Amino acid sequence: MKICLENADLIVEKYRPLIVSVIESTYFGNDFDDAYDLSVEVVINCIENYDPSISSFGAYLKSYLRYAHLNRANKKDHVAIDLNEEKYEAVLKNDDDIEKDFFNNELRKILFKKMNALSHFQKNILVDYYFNALSLDEMSKKYDRSYQTIANNKSMALKRIKNQFIKENRSYYDLI
């Protein structure tokens, strides 16, 4: 079969398995029909621009299909934000530091992962001290342990987390 626009329908049908395969491997949306329509457009463009001296049509088409679908997957959807004037002003006047909040949340996530290497008792001490704002005295009464035991376990837990960061070549300052 000759690769020309007159045979476009036959070419699309012949390369349908390739089209479906590329869509399944590169397109992560939920609208298969749109992805298929894009593929048909790519097939027509490939028919128009195909040079048989460069490569086979199948290889040429496959590379263009992959490129088109990966490019589509990388495009960000634009979200319309409907803010009335009062809400917009409230957002602009908000003194919250979004970037700082983001990094603090990321640091919390990393710390919670690192805390999995600690004993249950050490985890509880760190959570009570840093998140529940309990003093070492209050924790010694809560856990019925000496003040020194609580202080030593807190210190060992922090040392263990610090060593995990050092082992991974990460600095505390990289996270702040």
C-alpha atoms as a PDB file:
ATOM      1  CA  MET A   1       0.000   0.000   0.000  1.00  0.00           C
ATOM      2  CA  LYS A   2       1.250   3.428  -0.952  1.00  0.00           C
ATOM      3  CA  ILE A   3       1.707   5.953   1.850  1.00  0.00           C
ATOM      4  CA  CYS A   4      -0.487   8.851   0.687  1.00  0.00           C
ATOM      5  CA  LEU A   5      -3.479  10.845   1.896  1.00  0.00           C
ATOM      6  CA  GLU A   6      -5.854   8.911  -0.354  1.00  0.00           C
ATOM      7  CA  ASN A   7      -5.064   5.797   1.695  1.00  0.00           C
ATOM      8  CA  ALA A   8      -5.268   7.560   5.088  1.00  0.00           C
ATOM      9  CA  ASP A   9      -8.259   5.530   6.322  1.00  0.00           C
ATOM     10  CA  LEU A  10      -6.561   2.249   5.392  1.00  0.00           C
ATOM     11  CA  ILE A  11      -3.279   3.362   6.999  1.00  0.00           C
ATOM     12  CA  VAL A  12      -5.051   4.350  10.227  1.00  0.00           C
ATOM     13  CA  GLU A  13      -6.802   0.969  10.296  1.00  0.00           C
ATOM     14  CA  LYS A  14      -3.584  -0.929   9.525  1.00  0.00           C
ATOM     15  CA  TYR A  15      -1.659   0.874  12.293  1.00  0.00           C
ATOM     16  CA  ARG A  16      -4.526   0.777  14.815  1.00  0.00           C
ATOM     17  CA  PRO A  17      -2.721  -1.762  17.085  1.00  0.00           C
ATOM     18  CA  LEU A  18       0.330   0.533  17.160  1.00  0.00           C
ATOM     19  CA  ILE A  19      -1.855   3.565  17.898  1.00  0.00           C
ATOM     20  CA  VAL A  20      -3.639   1.801  20.755  1.00  0.00           C
ATOM     21  CA  SER A  21      -0.364   0.498  22.160  1.00  0.00           C
ATOM     22  CA  VAL A  22       1.228   3.956  22.176  1.00  0.00           C
ATOM     23  CA  ILE A  23      -1.872   5.497  23.758  1.00  0.00           C
ATOM     24  CA  GLU A  24      -1.908   2.873  26.513  1.00  0.00           C
ATOM     25  CA  SER A  25       1.788   3.297  27.263  1.00  0.00           C
ATOM     26  CA  THR A  26       1.970   7.092  27.199  1.00  0.00           C
ATOM     27  CA  TYR A  27      -1.436   8.641  27.797  1.00  0.00           C
ATOM     28  CA  PHE A  28      -2.584   8.788  31.410  1.00  0.00           C
ATOM     29  CA  GLY A  29      -5.832  10.676  30.937  1.00  0.00           C
ATOM     30  CA  ASN A  30      -9.236   9.144  31.027  1.00  0.00           C
ATOM     31  CA  ASP A  31     -10.514  10.127  27.575  1.00  0.00           C
ATOM     32  CA  PHE A  32      -9.355   7.469  25.132  1.00  0.00           C
ATOM     33  CA  ASP A  33     -11.375   8.975  22.273  1.00  0.00           C
ATOM     34  CA  ASP A  34      -9.513  12.286  22.476  1.00  0.00           C
ATOM     35  CA  ALA A  35      -6.206  10.435  22.522  1.00  0.00           C
ATOM     36  CA  TYR A  36      -7.257   8.384  19.516  1.00  0.00           C
ATOM     37  CA  ASP A  37      -8.333  11.528  17.613  1.00  0.00           C
ATOM     38  CA  LEU A  38      -4.943  13.064  18.342  1.00  0.00           C
ATOM     39  CA  SER A  39      -3.334   9.897  16.990  1.00  0.00           C
ATOM     40  CA  VAL A  40      -5.299  10.112  13.754  1.00  0.00           C
ATOM     41  CA  GLU A  41      -4.110  13.715  13.329  1.00  0.00           C
ATOM     42  CA  VAL A  42      -0.531  12.544  13.894  1.00  0.00           C
ATOM     43  CA  VAL A  43      -0.978   9.772  11.305  1.00  0.00           C
ATOM     44  CA  ILE A  44      -2.199  12.310   8.725  1.00  0.00           C
ATOM     45  CA  ASN A  45       0.724  14.647   9.485  1.00  0.00           C
ATOM     46  CA  CYS A  46       3.125  11.721   9.200  1.00  0.00           C
ATOM     47  CA  ILE A  47       1.631  10.720   5.827  1.00  0.00           C
ATOM     48  CA  GLU A  48       2.136  14.264   4.546  1.00  0.00           C
ATOM     49  CA  ASN A  49       5.722  14.544   5.819  1.00  0.00           C
ATOM     50  CA  TYR A  50       6.973  10.971   5.394  1.00  0.00           C
ATOM     51  CA  ASP A  51      10.267  10.483   3.571  1.00  0.00           C
ATOM     52  CA  PRO A  52      10.833   6.785   2.716  1.00  0.00           C
ATOM     53  CA  SER A  53      14.583   7.302   2.414  1.00  0.00           C
ATOM     54  CA  ILE A  54      14.881   8.027   6.152  1.00  0.00           C
ATOM     55  CA  SER A  55      13.093   5.085   7.809  1.00  0.00           C
ATOM     56  CA  SER A  56      10.133   2.758   7.588  1.00  0.00           C
ATOM     57  CA  PHE A  57       6.713   4.359   7.975  1.00  0.00           C
ATOM     58  CA  GLY A  58       5.922   2.267  11.065  1.00  0.00           C
ATOM     59  CA  ALA A  59       9.030   3.440  12.933  1.00  0.00           C
ATOM     60  CA  TYR A  60       8.463   7.025  11.817  1.00  0.00           C
ATOM     61  CA  LEU A  61       4.834   6.926  12.935  1.00  0.00           C
ATOM     62  CA  LYS A  62       5.628   5.284  16.264  1.00  0.00           C
ATOM     63  CA  SER A  63       8.144   7.953  17.223  1.00  0.00           C
ATOM     64  CA  TYR A  64       5.759  10.781  16.316  1.00  0.00           C
ATOM     65  CA  LEU A  65       2.861   9.140  18.159  1.00  0.00           C
ATOM     66  CA  ARG A  66       4.966   8.701  21.306  1.00  0.00           C
ATOM     67  CA  TYR A  67       6.163  12.284  21.109  1.00  0.00           C
ATOM     68  CA  ALA A  68       2.623  13.650  20.626  1.00  0.00           C
ATOM     69  CA  HIS A  69       1.172  11.701  23.555  1.00  0.00           C
ATOM     70  CA  LEU A  70       4.065  12.363  25.916  1.00  0.00           C
ATOM     71  CA  ASN A  71       3.878  16.039  25.011  1.00  0.00           C
ATOM     72  CA  ARG A  72       0.147  16.027  25.730  1.00  0.00           C
ATOM     73  CA  ALA A  73       0.695  14.251  29.068  1.00  0.00           C
ATOM     74  CA  ASN A  74       3.237  16.893  30.102  1.00  0.00           C
ATOM     75  CA  LYS A  75       0.918  19.809  29.423  1.00  0.00           C
ATOM     76  CA  LYS A  76      -0.660  21.171  32.547  1.00  0.00           C
ATOM     77  CA  ASP A  77      -4.381  21.729  32.653  1.00  0.00           C
ATOM     78  CA  HIS A  78      -5.384  25.275  33.416  1.00  0.00           C
ATOM     79  CA  VAL A  79      -7.777  25.567  36.300  1.00  0.00           C
ATOM     80  CA  ALA A  80     -10.162  28.480  36.373  1.00  0.00           C
ATOM     81  CA  ILE A  81     -10.356  30.110  39.765  1.00  0.00           C
ATOM     82  CA  ASP A  82     -13.576  31.900  40.526  1.00  0.00           C
ATOM     83  CA  LEU A  83     -12.793  34.455  43.205  1.00  0.00           C
ATOM     84  CA  ASN A  84     -14.965  37.396  43.906  1.00  0.00           C
ATOM     85  CA  GLU A  85     -13.184  40.628  44.763  1.00  0.00           C
ATOM     86  CA  GLU A  86     -13.438  40.170  48.539  1.00  0.00           C
ATOM     87  CA  LYS A  87     -11.977  36.674  48.455  1.00  0.00           C
ATOM     88  CA  TYR A  88      -9.215  37.817  46.119  1.00  0.00           C
ATOM     89  CA  GLU A  89      -8.250  40.644  48.456  1.00  0.00           C
ATOM     90  CA  ALA A  90      -8.318  38.249  51.402  1.00  0.00           C
ATOM     91  CA  VAL A  91      -5.924  35.913  49.576  1.00  0.00           C
ATOM     92  CA  LEU A  92      -3.556  38.768  48.729  1.00  0.00           C
ATOM     93  CA  LYS A  93      -3.631  40.177  52.277  1.00  0.00           C
ATOM     94  CA  ASN A  94      -2.976  36.772  53.814  1.00  0.00           C
ATOM     95  CA  ASP A  95       0.421  36.888  55.499  1.00  0.00           C
ATOM     96  CA  ASP A  96       0.938  33.139  55.391  1.00  0.00           C
ATOM     97  CA  ASP A  97       4.178  32.122  53.752  1.00  0.00           C
ATOM     98  CA  ILE A  98       3.043  29.413  51.360  1.00  0.00           C
ATOM     99  CA  GLU A  99       6.587  28.382  50.450  1.00  0.00           C
ATOM    100  CA  LYS A 100       7.587  28.073  54.102  1.00  0.00           C
ATOM    101  CA  ASP A 101       4.455  26.024  54.836  1.00  0.00           C
ATOM    102  CA  PHE A 102       5.241  23.739  51.904  1.00  0.00           C
ATOM    103  CA  PHE A 103       8.809  23.097  53.071  1.00  0.00           C
ATOM    104  CA  ASN A 104       7.681  22.585  56.658  1.00  0.00           C
ATOM    105  CA  ASN A 105       5.161  19.994  55.476  1.00  0.00           C
ATOM    106  CA  GLU A 106       7.832  18.278  53.377  1.00  0.00           C
ATOM    107  CA  LEU A 107      10.194  18.258  56.363  1.00  0.00           C
ATOM    108  CA  ARG A 108       7.458  16.752  58.542  1.00  0.00           C
ATOM    109  CA  LYS A 109       6.855  13.992  55.980  1.00  0.00           C
ATOM    110  CA  ILE A 110      10.563  13.167  55.841  1.00  0.00           C
ATOM    111  CA  LEU A 111      10.858  13.181  59.625  1.00  0.00           C
ATOM    112  CA  PHE A 112       7.881  10.854  60.008  1.00  0.00           C
ATOM    113  CA  LYS A 113       9.535   8.431  57.566  1.00  0.00           C
ATOM    114  CA  LYS A 114      12.792   8.609  59.518  1.00  0.00           C
ATOM    115  CA  MET A 115      10.950   8.010  62.765  1.00  0.00           C
ATOM    116  CA  ASN A 116      10.032   4.521  61.563  1.00  0.00           C
ATOM    117  CA  ALA A 117      13.566   3.437  62.447  1.00  0.00           C
ATOM    118  CA  LEU A 118      13.005   4.422  66.077  1.00  0.00           C
ATOM    119  CA  SER A 119      11.594   2.326  68.875  1.00  0.00           C
ATOM    120  CA  HIS A 120       7.950   2.859  69.745  1.00  0.00           C
ATOM    121  CA  PHE A 121       8.969   4.573  72.988  1.00  0.00           C
ATOM    122  CA  GLN A 122      11.353   6.964  71.207  1.00  0.00           C
ATOM    123  CA  LYS A 123       8.674   7.848  68.639  1.00  0.00           C
ATOM    124  CA  ASN A 124       6.232   8.649  71.427  1.00  0.00           C
ATOM    125  CA  ILE A 125       8.771  10.859  73.162  1.00  0.00           C
ATOM    126  CA  LEU A 126       9.493  12.878  70.022  1.00  0.00           C
ATOM    127  CA  VAL A 127       5.828  13.233  69.157  1.00  0.00           C
ATOM    128  CA  ASP A 128       4.962  14.312  72.692  1.00  0.00           C
ATOM    129  CA  TYR A 129       7.874  16.742  72.885  1.00  0.00           C
ATOM    130  CA  TYR A 130       7.720  18.361  69.441  1.00  0.00           C
ATOM    131  CA  PHE A 131       4.097  17.984  68.388  1.00  0.00           C
ATOM    132  CA  ASN A 132       2.178  17.827  71.680  1.00  0.00           C
ATOM    133  CA  ALA A 133       4.493  20.318  73.463  1.00  0.00           C
ATOM    134  CA  LEU A 134       4.944  18.188  76.568  1.00  0.00           C
ATOM    135  CA  SER A 135       7.940  18.916  78.764  1.00  0.00           C
ATOM    136  CA  LEU A 136      10.395  16.188  79.749  1.00  0.00           C
ATOM    137  CA  ASP A 137       8.987  16.393  83.284  1.00  0.00           C
ATOM    138  CA  GLU A 138       5.437  15.804  82.053  1.00  0.00           C
ATOM    139  CA  MET A 139       6.593  12.872  79.945  1.00  0.00           C
ATOM    140  CA  SER A 140       8.465  11.286  82.859  1.00  0.00           C
ATOM    141  CA  LYS A 141       5.183  11.272  84.816  1.00  0.00           C
ATOM    142  CA  LYS A 142       3.147  10.109  81.811  1.00  0.00           C
ATOM    143  CA  TYR A 143       5.427   7.141  81.072  1.00  0.00           C
ATOM    144  CA  ASP A 144       6.386   6.513  84.718  1.00  0.00           C
ATOM    145  CA  ARG A 145      10.083   6.765  83.886  1.00  0.00           C
ATOM    146  CA  SER A 146      12.821   8.972  85.249  1.00  0.00           C
ATOM    147  CA  TYR A 147      13.481  12.399  83.795  1.00  0.00           C
ATOM    148  CA  GLN A 148      16.967  11.226  82.746  1.00  0.00           C
ATOM    149  CA  THR A 149      15.570   8.186  80.896  1.00  0.00           C
ATOM    150  CA  ILE A 150      13.219  10.433  78.909  1.00  0.00           C
ATOM    151  CA  ALA A 151      16.033  12.914  78.149  1.00  0.00           C
ATOM    152  CA  ASN A 152      18.428  10.120  77.077  1.00  0.00           C
ATOM    153  CA  ASN A 153      15.838   8.478  74.795  1.00  0.00           C
ATOM    154  CA  LYS A 154      14.962  11.822  73.212  1.00  0.00           C
ATOM    155  CA  SER A 155      18.644  12.515  72.618  1.00  0.00           C
ATOM    156  CA  MET A 156      19.283   9.036  71.158  1.00  0.00           C
ATOM    157  CA  ALA A 157      16.259   9.316  68.877  1.00  0.00           C
ATOM    158  CA  LEU A 158      17.423  12.669  67.517  1.00  0.00           C
ATOM    159  CA  LYS A 159      20.935  11.297  67.035  1.00  0.00           C
ATOM    160  CA  ARG A 160      19.571   8.313  65.106  1.00  0.00           C
ATOM    161  CA  ILE A 161      17.520  10.561  62.800  1.00  0.00           C
ATOM    162  CA  LYS A 162      20.514  12.874  62.287  1.00  0.00           C
ATOM    163  CA  ASN A 163      22.716   9.898  61.384  1.00  0.00           C
ATOM    164  CA  GLN A 164      20.132   8.740  58.832  1.00  0.00           C
ATOM    165  CA  PHE A 165      20.256  12.161  57.183  1.00  0.00           C
ATOM    166  CA  ILE A 166      24.054  12.113  57.171  1.00  0.00           C
ATOM    167  CA  LYS A 167      24.063   8.581  55.755  1.00  0.00           C
ATOM    168  CA  GLU A 168      21.907   9.796  52.871  1.00  0.00           C
ATOM    169  CA  ASN A 169      24.206  12.819  52.347  1.00  0.00           C
ATOM    170  CA  ARG A 170      21.427  15.204  53.235  1.00  0.00           C
ATOM    171  CA  SER A 171      21.859  18.274  55.304  1.00  0.00           C
ATOM    172  CA  TYR A 172      19.242  19.668  57.617  1.00  0.00           C
ATOM    173  CA  TYR A 173      19.812  22.988  55.895  1.00  0.00           C
ATOM    174  CA  ASP A 174      18.938  21.511  52.493  1.00  0.00           C
ATOM    175  CA  LEU A 175      15.434  20.922  53.792  1.00  0.00           C
ATOM    176  CA  ILE A 176      14.859  24.368  55.229  1.00  0.00           C
END
